[in-house]
Amino acid sequence: MLRIRGQIGDWPVDLTVEMDAEDWDQLTSRLSPELAAKAPAAPMERSAPRNDSLWETAQQLLQNAGQMEGPRLLAELEALAGGAAAGKRLLVRLRHSEQVHVEVREDAPLYVWKG
């Protein structure tokens, strides 16, 4: 895992990036030999596989609703997944799913099931 903290203008940034061994190898291959020697070794464990039944349930939730505003959907996904981080991961997967259209609105995004 790689954590990036800082600011972009007035906006604070706190980003966590999950990387597997292949990602670390690719990143270190682009570093100079001196920096590559100082880079941390790639984690030995593989990322946990995605829980496909949880993903299917998340899709079913939006499909049954037809559409849902982002904050409400996130709350539902967090409850479903058992935590904020897992809920956010499901929300990101939905955002990038071909089955979902996200309407950008002034107050909150609207997630619409296309099916």
PDB file of N, CA and C in Angstrom:
ATOM      1  N   MET A   1       0.844  -1.160   0.000  1.00  0.00           N
ATOM      2  CA  MET A   1       0.000   0.000   0.000  1.00  0.00           C
ATOM      3  C   MET A   1       0.900   1.237   0.000  1.00  0.00           C
ATOM      4  N   LEU A   2       0.486   2.253  -0.721  1.00  0.00           N
ATOM      5  CA  LEU A   2       1.228   3.498  -0.839  1.00  0.00           C
ATOM      6  C   LEU A   2       0.295   4.628  -0.425  1.00  0.00           C
ATOM      7  N   ARG A   3       0.747   5.481   0.500  1.00  0.00           N
ATOM      8  CA  ARG A   3      -0.080   6.587   0.957  1.00  0.00           C
ATOM      9  C   ARG A   3       0.549   7.900   0.517  1.00  0.00           C
ATOM     10  N   ILE A   4      -0.270   8.760  -0.085  1.00  0.00           N
ATOM     11  CA  ILE A   4       0.172  10.059  -0.578  1.00  0.00           C
ATOM     12  C   ILE A   4      -0.633  11.121   0.152  1.00  0.00           C
ATOM     13  N   ARG A   5       0.085  12.028   0.830  1.00  0.00           N
ATOM     14  CA  ARG A   5      -0.578  13.120   1.535  1.00  0.00           C
ATOM     15  C   ARG A   5       0.052  14.441   1.124  1.00  0.00           C
ATOM     16  N   GLY A   6      -0.771  15.462   1.051  1.00  0.00           N
ATOM     17  CA  GLY A   6      -0.283  16.787   0.692  1.00  0.00           C
ATOM     18  C   GLY A   6      -1.441  17.701   0.375  1.00  0.00           C
ATOM     19  N   GLN A   7      -1.191  18.653  -0.504  1.00  0.00           N
ATOM     20  CA  GLN A   7      -2.228  19.600  -0.887  1.00  0.00           C
ATOM     21  C   GLN A   7      -2.110  19.919  -2.359  1.00  0.00           C
ATOM     22  N   ILE A   8      -3.249  20.175  -2.965  1.00  0.00           N
ATOM     23  CA  ILE A   8      -3.330  20.704  -4.317  1.00  0.00           C
ATOM     24  C   ILE A   8      -4.064  22.023  -4.166  1.00  0.00           C
ATOM     25  N   GLY A   9      -3.313  23.113  -4.208  1.00  0.00           N
ATOM     26  CA  GLY A   9      -3.900  24.418  -3.933  1.00  0.00           C
ATOM     27  C   GLY A   9      -4.369  24.452  -2.497  1.00  0.00           C
ATOM     28  N   ASP A  10      -5.648  24.782  -2.293  1.00  0.00           N
ATOM     29  CA  ASP A  10      -6.222  24.817  -0.954  1.00  0.00           C
ATOM     30  C   ASP A  10      -6.828  23.479  -0.532  1.00  0.00           C
ATOM     31  N   TRP A  11      -6.801  22.495  -1.405  1.00  0.00           N
ATOM     32  CA  TRP A  11      -7.476  21.224  -1.152  1.00  0.00           C
ATOM     33  C   TRP A  11      -6.508  20.206  -0.542  1.00  0.00           C
ATOM     34  N   PRO A  12      -6.848  19.652   0.608  1.00  0.00           N
ATOM     35  CA  PRO A  12      -5.998  18.614   1.188  1.00  0.00           C
ATOM     36  C   PRO A  12      -6.152  17.306   0.403  1.00  0.00           C
ATOM     37  N   VAL A  13      -5.071  16.554   0.308  1.00  0.00           N
ATOM     38  CA  VAL A  13      -5.075  15.276  -0.403  1.00  0.00           C
ATOM     39  C   VAL A  13      -4.583  14.199   0.560  1.00  0.00           C
ATOM     40  N   ASP A  14      -5.330  13.121   0.667  1.00  0.00           N
ATOM     41  CA  ASP A  14      -4.922  11.959   1.447  1.00  0.00           C
ATOM     42  C   ASP A  14      -5.378  10.750   0.648  1.00  0.00           C
ATOM     43  N   LEU A  15      -4.451  10.144  -0.085  1.00  0.00           N
ATOM     44  CA  LEU A  15      -4.772   9.096  -1.043  1.00  0.00           C
ATOM     45  C   LEU A  15      -4.033   7.816  -0.677  1.00  0.00           C
ATOM     46  N   THR A  16      -4.737   6.705  -0.684  1.00  0.00           N
ATOM     47  CA  THR A  16      -4.125   5.405  -0.453  1.00  0.00           C
ATOM     48  C   THR A  16      -4.248   4.591  -1.725  1.00  0.00           C
ATOM     49  N   VAL A  17      -3.117   4.071  -2.201  1.00  0.00           N
ATOM     50  CA  VAL A  17      -3.087   3.281  -3.423  1.00  0.00           C
ATOM     51  C   VAL A  17      -2.658   1.862  -3.065  1.00  0.00           C
ATOM     52  N   GLU A  18      -3.481   0.886  -3.416  1.00  0.00           N
ATOM     53  CA  GLU A  18      -3.129  -0.508  -3.176  1.00  0.00           C
ATOM     54  C   GLU A  18      -2.339  -1.018  -4.373  1.00  0.00           C
ATOM     55  N   MET A  19      -1.194  -1.619  -4.079  1.00  0.00           N
ATOM     56  CA  MET A  19      -0.324  -2.127  -5.140  1.00  0.00           C
ATOM     57  C   MET A  19       0.053  -3.573  -4.830  1.00  0.00           C
ATOM     58  N   ASP A  20       0.008  -4.423  -5.855  1.00  0.00           N
ATOM     59  CA  ASP A  20       0.453  -5.792  -5.644  1.00  0.00           C
ATOM     60  C   ASP A  20       1.924  -5.909  -6.042  1.00  0.00           C
ATOM     61  N   ALA A  21       2.483  -7.088  -5.960  1.00  0.00           N
ATOM     62  CA  ALA A  21       3.910  -7.293  -6.229  1.00  0.00           C
ATOM     63  C   ALA A  21       4.293  -6.868  -7.646  1.00  0.00           C
ATOM     64  N   GLU A  22       3.438  -7.143  -8.605  1.00  0.00           N
ATOM     65  CA  GLU A  22       3.731  -6.760  -9.995  1.00  0.00           C
ATOM     66  C   GLU A  22       3.805  -5.242 -10.140  1.00  0.00           C
ATOM     67  N   ASP A  23       2.892  -4.521  -9.471  1.00  0.00           N
ATOM     68  CA  ASP A  23       2.909  -3.056  -9.517  1.00  0.00           C
ATOM     69  C   ASP A  23       4.203  -2.509  -8.933  1.00  0.00           C
ATOM     70  N   TRP A  24       4.630  -3.064  -7.777  1.00  0.00           N
ATOM     71  CA  TRP A  24       5.878  -2.607  -7.155  1.00  0.00           C
ATOM     72  C   TRP A  24       7.069  -2.885  -8.064  1.00  0.00           C
ATOM     73  N   ASP A  25       7.099  -4.074  -8.702  1.00  0.00           N
ATOM     74  CA  ASP A  25       8.194  -4.404  -9.616  1.00  0.00           C
ATOM     75  C   ASP A  25       8.250  -3.430 -10.786  1.00  0.00           C
ATOM     76  N   GLN A  26       7.088  -3.112 -11.339  1.00  0.00           N
ATOM     77  CA  GLN A  26       7.036  -2.176 -12.461  1.00  0.00           C
ATOM     78  C   GLN A  26       7.509  -0.791 -12.042  1.00  0.00           C
ATOM     79  N   LEU A  27       7.083  -0.353 -10.862  1.00  0.00           N
ATOM     80  CA  LEU A  27       7.487   0.957 -10.368  1.00  0.00           C
ATOM     81  C   LEU A  27       8.991   1.016 -10.122  1.00  0.00           C
ATOM     82  N   THR A  28       9.540   0.022  -9.450  1.00  0.00           N
ATOM     83  CA  THR A  28      10.972   0.055  -9.141  1.00  0.00           C
ATOM     84  C   THR A  28      11.831  -0.122 -10.388  1.00  0.00           C
ATOM     85  N   SER A  29      11.304  -0.771 -11.430  1.00  0.00           N
ATOM     86  CA  SER A  29      12.084  -0.934 -12.660  1.00  0.00           C
ATOM     87  C   SER A  29      12.332   0.397 -13.360  1.00  0.00           C
ATOM     88  N   ARG A  30      11.521   1.404 -13.046  1.00  0.00           N
ATOM     89  CA  ARG A  30      11.663   2.719 -13.665  1.00  0.00           C
ATOM     90  C   ARG A  30      12.543   3.669 -12.850  1.00  0.00           C
ATOM     91  N   LEU A  31      12.965   3.228 -11.663  1.00  0.00           N
ATOM     92  CA  LEU A  31      13.817   4.063 -10.824  1.00  0.00           C
ATOM     93  C   LEU A  31      15.285   3.903 -11.210  1.00  0.00           C
ATOM     94  N   SER A  32      16.081   4.904 -10.849  1.00  0.00           N
ATOM     95  CA  SER A  32      17.526   4.778 -11.065  1.00  0.00           C
ATOM     96  C   SER A  32      18.035   3.668 -10.149  1.00  0.00           C
ATOM     97  N   PRO A  33      19.182   3.047 -10.451  1.00  0.00           N
ATOM     98  CA  PRO A  33      19.692   1.952  -9.620  1.00  0.00           C
ATOM     99  C   PRO A  33      19.857   2.346  -8.146  1.00  0.00           C
ATOM    100  N   GLU A  34      20.267   3.590  -7.883  1.00  0.00           N
ATOM    101  CA  GLU A  34      20.456   4.026  -6.492  1.00  0.00           C
ATOM    102  C   GLU A  34      19.116   4.061  -5.747  1.00  0.00           C
ATOM    103  N   LEU A  35      18.095   4.617  -6.397  1.00  0.00           N
ATOM    104  CA  LEU A  35      16.775   4.697  -5.761  1.00  0.00           C
ATOM    105  C   LEU A  35      16.123   3.324  -5.653  1.00  0.00           C
ATOM    106  N   ALA A  36      16.333   2.470  -6.663  1.00  0.00           N
ATOM    107  CA  ALA A  36      15.738   1.135  -6.636  1.00  0.00           C
ATOM    108  C   ALA A  36      16.285   0.333  -5.461  1.00  0.00           C
ATOM    109  N   ALA A  37      17.564   0.515  -5.132  1.00  0.00           N
ATOM    110  CA  ALA A  37      18.170  -0.208  -4.012  1.00  0.00           C
ATOM    111  C   ALA A  37      17.556   0.215  -2.686  1.00  0.00           C
ATOM    112  N   LYS A  38      17.113   1.473  -2.586  1.00  0.00           N
ATOM    113  CA  LYS A  38      16.514   1.989  -1.353  1.00  0.00           C
ATOM    114  C   LYS A  38      15.010   1.718  -1.270  1.00  0.00           C
ATOM    115  N   ALA A  39      14.394   1.339  -2.373  1.00  0.00           N
ATOM    116  CA  ALA A  39      12.947   1.138  -2.403  1.00  0.00           C
ATOM    117  C   ALA A  39      12.560  -0.056  -1.542  1.00  0.00           C
ATOM    118  N   PRO A  40      11.407  -0.002  -0.875  1.00  0.00           N
ATOM    119  CA  PRO A  40      10.984  -1.136  -0.059  1.00  0.00           C
ATOM    120  C   PRO A  40      10.695  -2.351  -0.930  1.00  0.00           C
ATOM    121  N   ALA A  41      10.931  -3.510  -0.369  1.00  0.00           N
ATOM    122  CA  ALA A  41      10.654  -4.743  -1.099  1.00  0.00           C
ATOM    123  C   ALA A  41       9.154  -4.881  -1.299  1.00  0.00           C
ATOM    124  N   ALA A  42       8.774  -5.522  -2.380  1.00  0.00           N
ATOM    125  CA  ALA A  42       7.355  -5.735  -2.662  1.00  0.00           C
ATOM    126  C   ALA A  42       6.756  -6.621  -1.580  1.00  0.00           C
ATOM    127  N   PRO A  43       5.534  -6.366  -1.181  1.00  0.00           N
ATOM    128  CA  PRO A  43       4.901  -7.200  -0.161  1.00  0.00           C
ATOM    129  C   PRO A  43       4.826  -8.642  -0.630  1.00  0.00           C
ATOM    130  N   MET A  44       4.993  -9.556   0.287  1.00  0.00           N
ATOM    131  CA  MET A  44       4.990 -10.979  -0.053  1.00  0.00           C
ATOM    132  C   MET A  44       3.572 -11.505  -0.271  1.00  0.00           C
ATOM    133  N   GLU A  45       2.618 -10.945   0.436  1.00  0.00           N
ATOM    134  CA  GLU A  45       1.256 -11.456   0.320  1.00  0.00           C
ATOM    135  C   GLU A  45       0.545 -10.834  -0.869  1.00  0.00           C
ATOM    136  N   ARG A  46      -0.307 -11.590  -1.467  1.00  0.00           N
ATOM    137  CA  ARG A  46      -1.122 -11.098  -2.574  1.00  0.00           C
ATOM    138  C   ARG A  46      -2.333 -10.380  -2.012  1.00  0.00           C
ATOM    139  N   SER A  47      -2.900  -9.496  -2.806  1.00  0.00           N
ATOM    140  CA  SER A  47      -4.129  -8.818  -2.393  1.00  0.00           C
ATOM    141  C   SER A  47      -5.231  -9.844  -2.203  1.00  0.00           C
ATOM    142  N   ALA A  48      -6.114  -9.542  -1.288  1.00  0.00           N
ATOM    143  CA  ALA A  48      -7.249 -10.433  -1.073  1.00  0.00           C
ATOM    144  C   ALA A  48      -8.129 -10.428  -2.310  1.00  0.00           C
ATOM    145  N   PRO A  49      -8.609 -11.590  -2.725  1.00  0.00           N
ATOM    146  CA  PRO A  49      -9.480 -11.624  -3.905  1.00  0.00           C
ATOM    147  C   PRO A  49     -10.776 -10.867  -3.619  1.00  0.00           C
ATOM    148  N   ARG A  50     -11.329 -10.333  -4.659  1.00  0.00           N
ATOM    149  CA  ARG A  50     -12.583  -9.610  -4.505  1.00  0.00           C
ATOM    150  C   ARG A  50     -13.687 -10.581  -4.157  1.00  0.00           C
ATOM    151  N   ASN A  51     -14.564 -10.131  -3.300  1.00  0.00           N
ATOM    152  CA  ASN A  51     -15.698 -10.936  -2.898  1.00  0.00           C
ATOM    153  C   ASN A  51     -16.801 -10.744  -3.935  1.00  0.00           C
ATOM    154  N   ASP A  52     -16.898 -11.690  -4.889  1.00  0.00           N
ATOM    155  CA  ASP A  52     -17.849 -11.534  -5.982  1.00  0.00           C
ATOM    156  C   ASP A  52     -19.294 -11.566  -5.506  1.00  0.00           C
ATOM    157  N   SER A  53     -19.587 -12.288  -4.442  1.00  0.00           N
ATOM    158  CA  SER A  53     -20.974 -12.302  -3.959  1.00  0.00           C
ATOM    159  C   SER A  53     -21.345 -10.932  -3.393  1.00  0.00           C
ATOM    160  N   LEU A  54     -20.395 -10.265  -2.742  1.00  0.00           N
ATOM    161  CA  LEU A  54     -20.634  -8.915  -2.240  1.00  0.00           C
ATOM    162  C   LEU A  54     -20.841  -7.947  -3.400  1.00  0.00           C
ATOM    163  N   TRP A  55     -20.027  -8.079  -4.452  1.00  0.00           N
ATOM    164  CA  TRP A  55     -20.151  -7.242  -5.643  1.00  0.00           C
ATOM    165  C   TRP A  55     -21.509  -7.455  -6.304  1.00  0.00           C
ATOM    166  N   GLU A  56     -21.926  -8.700  -6.412  1.00  0.00           N
ATOM    167  CA  GLU A  56     -23.228  -8.990  -7.020  1.00  0.00           C
ATOM    168  C   GLU A  56     -24.363  -8.405  -6.185  1.00  0.00           C
ATOM    169  N   THR A  57     -24.227  -8.453  -4.863  1.00  0.00           N
ATOM    170  CA  THR A  57     -25.248  -7.885  -3.985  1.00  0.00           C
ATOM    171  C   THR A  57     -25.293  -6.367  -4.127  1.00  0.00           C
ATOM    172  N   ALA A  58     -24.126  -5.735  -4.273  1.00  0.00           N
ATOM    173  CA  ALA A  58     -24.062  -4.281  -4.458  1.00  0.00           C
ATOM    174  C   ALA A  58     -24.755  -3.881  -5.764  1.00  0.00           C
ATOM    175  N   GLN A  59     -24.509  -4.643  -6.825  1.00  0.00           N
ATOM    176  CA  GLN A  59     -25.173  -4.360  -8.098  1.00  0.00           C
ATOM    177  C   GLN A  59     -26.680  -4.553  -7.976  1.00  0.00           C
ATOM    178  N   GLN A  60     -27.075  -5.619  -7.275  1.00  0.00           N
ATOM    179  CA  GLN A  60     -28.497  -5.899  -7.092  1.00  0.00           C
ATOM    180  C   GLN A  60     -29.180  -4.779  -6.319  1.00  0.00           C
ATOM    181  N   LEU A  61     -28.477  -4.220  -5.341  1.00  0.00           N
ATOM    182  CA  LEU A  61     -29.010  -3.110  -4.551  1.00  0.00           C
ATOM    183  C   LEU A  61     -29.368  -1.929  -5.447  1.00  0.00           C
ATOM    184  N   LEU A  62     -28.436  -1.538  -6.323  1.00  0.00           N
ATOM    185  CA  LEU A  62     -28.703  -0.415  -7.215  1.00  0.00           C
ATOM    186  C   LEU A  62     -29.733  -0.782  -8.275  1.00  0.00           C
ATOM    187  N   GLN A  63     -29.663  -1.996  -8.765  1.00  0.00           N
ATOM    188  CA  GLN A  63     -30.627  -2.429  -9.774  1.00  0.00           C
ATOM    189  C   GLN A  63     -32.049  -2.382  -9.213  1.00  0.00           C
ATOM    190  N   ASN A  64     -32.236  -2.853  -7.992  1.00  0.00           N
ATOM    191  CA  ASN A  64     -33.574  -2.843  -7.379  1.00  0.00           C
ATOM    192  C   ASN A  64     -34.076  -1.418  -7.153  1.00  0.00           C
ATOM    193  N   ALA A  65     -33.161  -0.518  -6.784  1.00  0.00           N
ATOM    194  CA  ALA A  65     -33.555   0.874  -6.557  1.00  0.00           C
ATOM    195  C   ALA A  65     -33.775   1.612  -7.871  1.00  0.00           C
ATOM    196  N   GLY A  66     -33.073   1.199  -8.911  1.00  0.00           N
ATOM    197  CA  GLY A  66     -33.162   1.889 -10.199  1.00  0.00           C
ATOM    198  C   GLY A  66     -32.214   3.061 -10.275  1.00  0.00           C
ATOM    199  N   GLN A  67     -32.214   3.894  -9.249  1.00  0.00           N
ATOM    200  CA  GLN A  67     -31.288   5.023  -9.148  1.00  0.00           C
ATOM    201  C   GLN A  67     -31.156   5.411  -7.686  1.00  0.00           C
ATOM    202  N   MET A  68     -29.998   5.983  -7.335  1.00  0.00           N
ATOM    203  CA  MET A  68     -29.776   6.364  -5.950  1.00  0.00           C
ATOM    204  C   MET A  68     -28.712   7.452  -5.909  1.00  0.00           C
ATOM    205  N   GLU A  69     -28.915   8.438  -5.036  1.00  0.00           N
ATOM    206  CA  GLU A  69     -27.915   9.486  -4.869  1.00  0.00           C
ATOM    207  C   GLU A  69     -26.678   8.911  -4.188  1.00  0.00           C
ATOM    208  N   GLY A  70     -25.513   9.459  -4.546  1.00  0.00           N
ATOM    209  CA  GLY A  70     -24.231   8.968  -4.065  1.00  0.00           C
ATOM    210  C   GLY A  70     -24.113   8.784  -2.563  1.00  0.00           C
ATOM    211  N   PRO A  71     -24.443   9.800  -1.745  1.00  0.00           N
ATOM    212  CA  PRO A  71     -24.290   9.636  -0.302  1.00  0.00           C
ATOM    213  C   PRO A  71     -25.150   8.504   0.277  1.00  0.00           C
ATOM    214  N   ARG A  72     -26.366   8.390  -0.217  1.00  0.00           N
ATOM    215  CA  ARG A  72     -27.237   7.315   0.273  1.00  0.00           C
ATOM    216  C   ARG A  72     -26.711   5.955  -0.179  1.00  0.00           C
ATOM    217  N   LEU A  73     -26.274   5.872  -1.432  1.00  0.00           N
ATOM    218  CA  LEU A  73     -25.725   4.626  -1.950  1.00  0.00           C
ATOM    219  C   LEU A  73     -24.481   4.226  -1.164  1.00  0.00           C
ATOM    220  N   LEU A  74     -23.607   5.190  -0.882  1.00  0.00           N
ATOM    221  CA  LEU A  74     -22.402   4.900  -0.111  1.00  0.00           C
ATOM    222  C   LEU A  74     -22.772   4.368   1.272  1.00  0.00           C
ATOM    223  N   ALA A  75     -23.742   4.977   1.933  1.00  0.00           N
ATOM    224  CA  ALA A  75     -24.166   4.509   3.252  1.00  0.00           C
ATOM    225  C   ALA A  75     -24.684   3.069   3.185  1.00  0.00           C
ATOM    226  N   GLU A  76     -25.462   2.776   2.151  1.00  0.00           N
ATOM    227  CA  GLU A  76     -25.988   1.417   1.973  1.00  0.00           C
ATOM    228  C   GLU A  76     -24.849   0.424   1.730  1.00  0.00           C
ATOM    229  N   LEU A  77     -23.878   0.818   0.903  1.00  0.00           N
ATOM    230  CA  LEU A  77     -22.760  -0.071   0.591  1.00  0.00           C
ATOM    231  C   LEU A  77     -21.867  -0.294   1.803  1.00  0.00           C
ATOM    232  N   GLU A  78     -21.655   0.748   2.605  1.00  0.00           N
ATOM    233  CA  GLU A  78     -20.854   0.604   3.822  1.00  0.00           C
ATOM    234  C   GLU A  78     -21.522  -0.380   4.780  1.00  0.00           C
ATOM    235  N   ALA A  79     -22.846  -0.277   4.915  1.00  0.00           N
ATOM    236  CA  ALA A  79     -23.583  -1.208   5.776  1.00  0.00           C
ATOM    237  C   ALA A  79     -23.497  -2.631   5.219  1.00  0.00           C
ATOM    238  N   LEU A  80     -23.618  -2.751   3.918  1.00  0.00           N
ATOM    239  CA  LEU A  80     -23.561  -4.056   3.263  1.00  0.00           C
ATOM    240  C   LEU A  80     -22.185  -4.696   3.421  1.00  0.00           C
ATOM    241  N   ALA A  81     -21.133  -3.897   3.222  1.00  0.00           N
ATOM    242  CA  ALA A  81     -19.764  -4.419   3.224  1.00  0.00           C
ATOM    243  C   ALA A  81     -19.167  -4.506   4.627  1.00  0.00           C
ATOM    244  N   GLY A  82     -19.787  -3.832   5.584  1.00  0.00           N
ATOM    245  CA  GLY A  82     -19.288  -3.900   6.943  1.00  0.00           C
ATOM    246  C   GLY A  82     -18.212  -2.894   7.277  1.00  0.00           C
ATOM    247  N   GLY A  83     -18.064  -1.847   6.467  1.00  0.00           N
ATOM    248  CA  GLY A  83     -17.074  -0.828   6.783  1.00  0.00           C
ATOM    249  C   GLY A  83     -16.998   0.229   5.698  1.00  0.00           C
ATOM    250  N   ALA A  84     -16.409   1.375   6.069  1.00  0.00           N
ATOM    251  CA  ALA A  84     -16.327   2.506   5.145  1.00  0.00           C
ATOM    252  C   ALA A  84     -15.424   2.208   3.951  1.00  0.00           C
ATOM    253  N   ALA A  85     -14.246   1.635   4.197  1.00  0.00           N
ATOM    254  CA  ALA A  85     -13.297   1.382   3.105  1.00  0.00           C
ATOM    255  C   ALA A  85     -13.873   0.407   2.087  1.00  0.00           C
ATOM    256  N   ALA A  86     -14.464  -0.671   2.561  1.00  0.00           N
ATOM    257  CA  ALA A  86     -15.049  -1.659   1.650  1.00  0.00           C
ATOM    258  C   ALA A  86     -16.236  -1.062   0.896  1.00  0.00           C
ATOM    259  N   GLY A  87     -17.015  -0.223   1.568  1.00  0.00           N
ATOM    260  CA  GLY A  87     -18.136   0.441   0.907  1.00  0.00           C
ATOM    261  C   GLY A  87     -17.674   1.368  -0.194  1.00  0.00           C
ATOM    262  N   LYS A  88     -16.596   2.103   0.065  1.00  0.00           N
ATOM    263  CA  LYS A  88     -16.049   3.012  -0.949  1.00  0.00           C
ATOM    264  C   LYS A  88     -15.516   2.240  -2.150  1.00  0.00           C
ATOM    265  N   ARG A  89     -14.882   1.088  -1.890  1.00  0.00           N
ATOM    266  CA  ARG A  89     -14.389   0.275  -3.010  1.00  0.00           C
ATOM    267  C   ARG A  89     -15.547  -0.192  -3.890  1.00  0.00           C
ATOM    268  N   LEU A  90     -16.645  -0.594  -3.264  1.00  0.00           N
ATOM    269  CA  LEU A  90     -17.815  -1.009  -4.044  1.00  0.00           C
ATOM    270  C   LEU A  90     -18.386   0.161  -4.832  1.00  0.00           C
ATOM    271  N   LEU A  91     -18.419   1.344  -4.231  1.00  0.00           N
ATOM    272  CA  LEU A  91     -18.934   2.526  -4.921  1.00  0.00           C
ATOM    273  C   LEU A  91     -18.079   2.850  -6.145  1.00  0.00           C
ATOM    274  N   VAL A  92     -16.760   2.733  -6.010  1.00  0.00           N
ATOM    275  CA  VAL A  92     -15.858   2.985  -7.146  1.00  0.00           C
ATOM    276  C   VAL A  92     -16.102   1.955  -8.236  1.00  0.00           C
ATOM    277  N   ARG A  93     -16.277   0.695  -7.856  1.00  0.00           N
ATOM    278  CA  ARG A  93     -16.549  -0.337  -8.858  1.00  0.00           C
ATOM    279  C   ARG A  93     -17.859  -0.044  -9.590  1.00  0.00           C
ATOM    280  N   LEU A  94     -18.874   0.413  -8.849  1.00  0.00           N
ATOM    281  CA  LEU A  94     -20.145   0.753  -9.492  1.00  0.00           C
ATOM    282  C   LEU A  94     -19.969   1.933 -10.443  1.00  0.00           C
ATOM    283  N   ARG A  95     -19.215   2.938  -9.986  1.00  0.00           N
ATOM    284  CA  ARG A  95     -18.985   4.128 -10.815  1.00  0.00           C
ATOM    285  C   ARG A  95     -18.380   3.756 -12.169  1.00  0.00           C
ATOM    286  N   HIS A  96     -17.508   2.750 -12.181  1.00  0.00           N
ATOM    287  CA  HIS A  96     -16.813   2.364 -13.407  1.00  0.00           C
ATOM    288  C   HIS A  96     -17.467   1.184 -14.132  1.00  0.00           C
ATOM    289  N   SER A  97     -18.578   0.712 -13.630  1.00  0.00           N
ATOM    290  CA  SER A  97     -19.271  -0.406 -14.254  1.00  0.00           C
ATOM    291  C   SER A  97     -20.012   0.045 -15.511  1.00  0.00           C
ATOM    292  N   GLU A  98     -20.017  -0.819 -16.508  1.00  0.00           N
ATOM    293  CA  GLU A  98     -20.758  -0.524 -17.740  1.00  0.00           C
ATOM    294  C   GLU A  98     -22.262  -0.553 -17.502  1.00  0.00           C
ATOM    295  N   GLN A  99     -22.684  -1.164 -16.400  1.00  0.00           N
ATOM    296  CA  GLN A  99     -24.106  -1.279 -16.088  1.00  0.00           C
ATOM    297  C   GLN A  99     -24.666  -0.030 -15.401  1.00  0.00           C
ATOM    298  N   VAL A 100     -23.766   0.911 -15.050  1.00  0.00           N
ATOM    299  CA  VAL A 100     -24.168   2.069 -14.251  1.00  0.00           C
ATOM    300  C   VAL A 100     -23.826   3.363 -14.978  1.00  0.00           C
ATOM    301  N   HIS A 101     -24.762   4.291 -14.946  1.00  0.00           N
ATOM    302  CA  HIS A 101     -24.529   5.642 -15.466  1.00  0.00           C
ATOM    303  C   HIS A 101     -24.530   6.586 -14.269  1.00  0.00           C
ATOM    304  N   VAL A 102     -23.534   7.462 -14.208  1.00  0.00           N
ATOM    305  CA  VAL A 102     -23.455   8.423 -13.111  1.00  0.00           C
ATOM    306  C   VAL A 102     -23.755   9.807 -13.672  1.00  0.00           C
ATOM    307  N   GLU A 103     -24.822  10.409 -13.165  1.00  0.00           N
ATOM    308  CA  GLU A 103     -25.173  11.767 -13.556  1.00  0.00           C
ATOM    309  C   GLU A 103     -24.537  12.733 -12.566  1.00  0.00           C
ATOM    310  N   VAL A 104     -23.749  13.650 -13.079  1.00  0.00           N
ATOM    311  CA  VAL A 104     -23.136  14.658 -12.222  1.00  0.00           C
ATOM    312  C   VAL A 104     -24.177  15.727 -11.961  1.00  0.00           C
ATOM    313  N   ARG A 105     -24.478  15.920 -10.687  1.00  0.00           N
ATOM    314  CA  ARG A 105     -25.473  16.907 -10.286  1.00  0.00           C
ATOM    315  C   ARG A 105     -24.843  17.867  -9.306  1.00  0.00           C
ATOM    316  N   GLU A 106     -25.508  18.976  -9.082  1.00  0.00           N
ATOM    317  CA  GLU A 106     -24.958  20.027  -8.222  1.00  0.00           C
ATOM    318  C   GLU A 106     -24.758  19.550  -6.788  1.00  0.00           C
ATOM    319  N   ASP A 107     -25.764  18.875  -6.221  1.00  0.00           N
ATOM    320  CA  ASP A 107     -25.686  18.455  -4.820  1.00  0.00           C
ATOM    321  C   ASP A 107     -24.910  17.160  -4.634  1.00  0.00           C
ATOM    322  N   ALA A 108     -25.241  16.149  -5.402  1.00  0.00           N
ATOM    323  CA  ALA A 108     -24.620  14.831  -5.251  1.00  0.00           C
ATOM    324  C   ALA A 108     -24.790  14.058  -6.552  1.00  0.00           C
ATOM    325  N   PRO A 109     -23.843  13.179  -6.876  1.00  0.00           N
ATOM    326  CA  PRO A 109     -24.000  12.389  -8.090  1.00  0.00           C
ATOM    327  C   PRO A 109     -25.180  11.432  -7.952  1.00  0.00           C
ATOM    328  N   LEU A 110     -25.813  11.138  -9.063  1.00  0.00           N
ATOM    329  CA  LEU A 110     -26.927  10.198  -9.100  1.00  0.00           C
ATOM    330  C   LEU A 110     -26.471   8.945  -9.851  1.00  0.00           C
ATOM    331  N   TYR A 111     -26.525   7.807  -9.194  1.00  0.00           N
ATOM    332  CA  TYR A 111     -26.144   6.536  -9.799  1.00  0.00           C
ATOM    333  C   TYR A 111     -27.401   5.897 -10.373  1.00  0.00           C
ATOM    334  N   VAL A 112     -27.386   5.625 -11.670  1.00  0.00           N
ATOM    335  CA  VAL A 112     -28.558   5.084 -12.367  1.00  0.00           C
ATOM    336  C   VAL A 112     -28.187   3.724 -12.955  1.00  0.00           C
ATOM    337  N   TRP A 113     -29.002   2.711 -12.678  1.00  0.00           N
ATOM    338  CA  TRP A 113     -28.765   1.371 -13.214  1.00  0.00           C
ATOM    339  C   TRP A 113     -29.245   1.321 -14.667  1.00  0.00           C
ATOM    340  N   LYS A 114     -28.312   1.008 -15.578  1.00  0.00           N
ATOM    341  CA  LYS A 114     -28.659   0.908 -17.005  1.00  0.00           C
ATOM    342  C   LYS A 114     -29.081  -0.499 -17.358  1.00  0.00           C
ATOM    343  N   GLY A 115     -28.444  -1.470 -16.712  1.00  0.00           N
ATOM    344  CA  GLY A 115     -28.778  -2.883 -16.957  1.00  0.00           C
ATOM    345  C   GLY A 115     -28.331  -3.418 -18.231  1.00  0.00           C
TER     346      GLY A 115
END
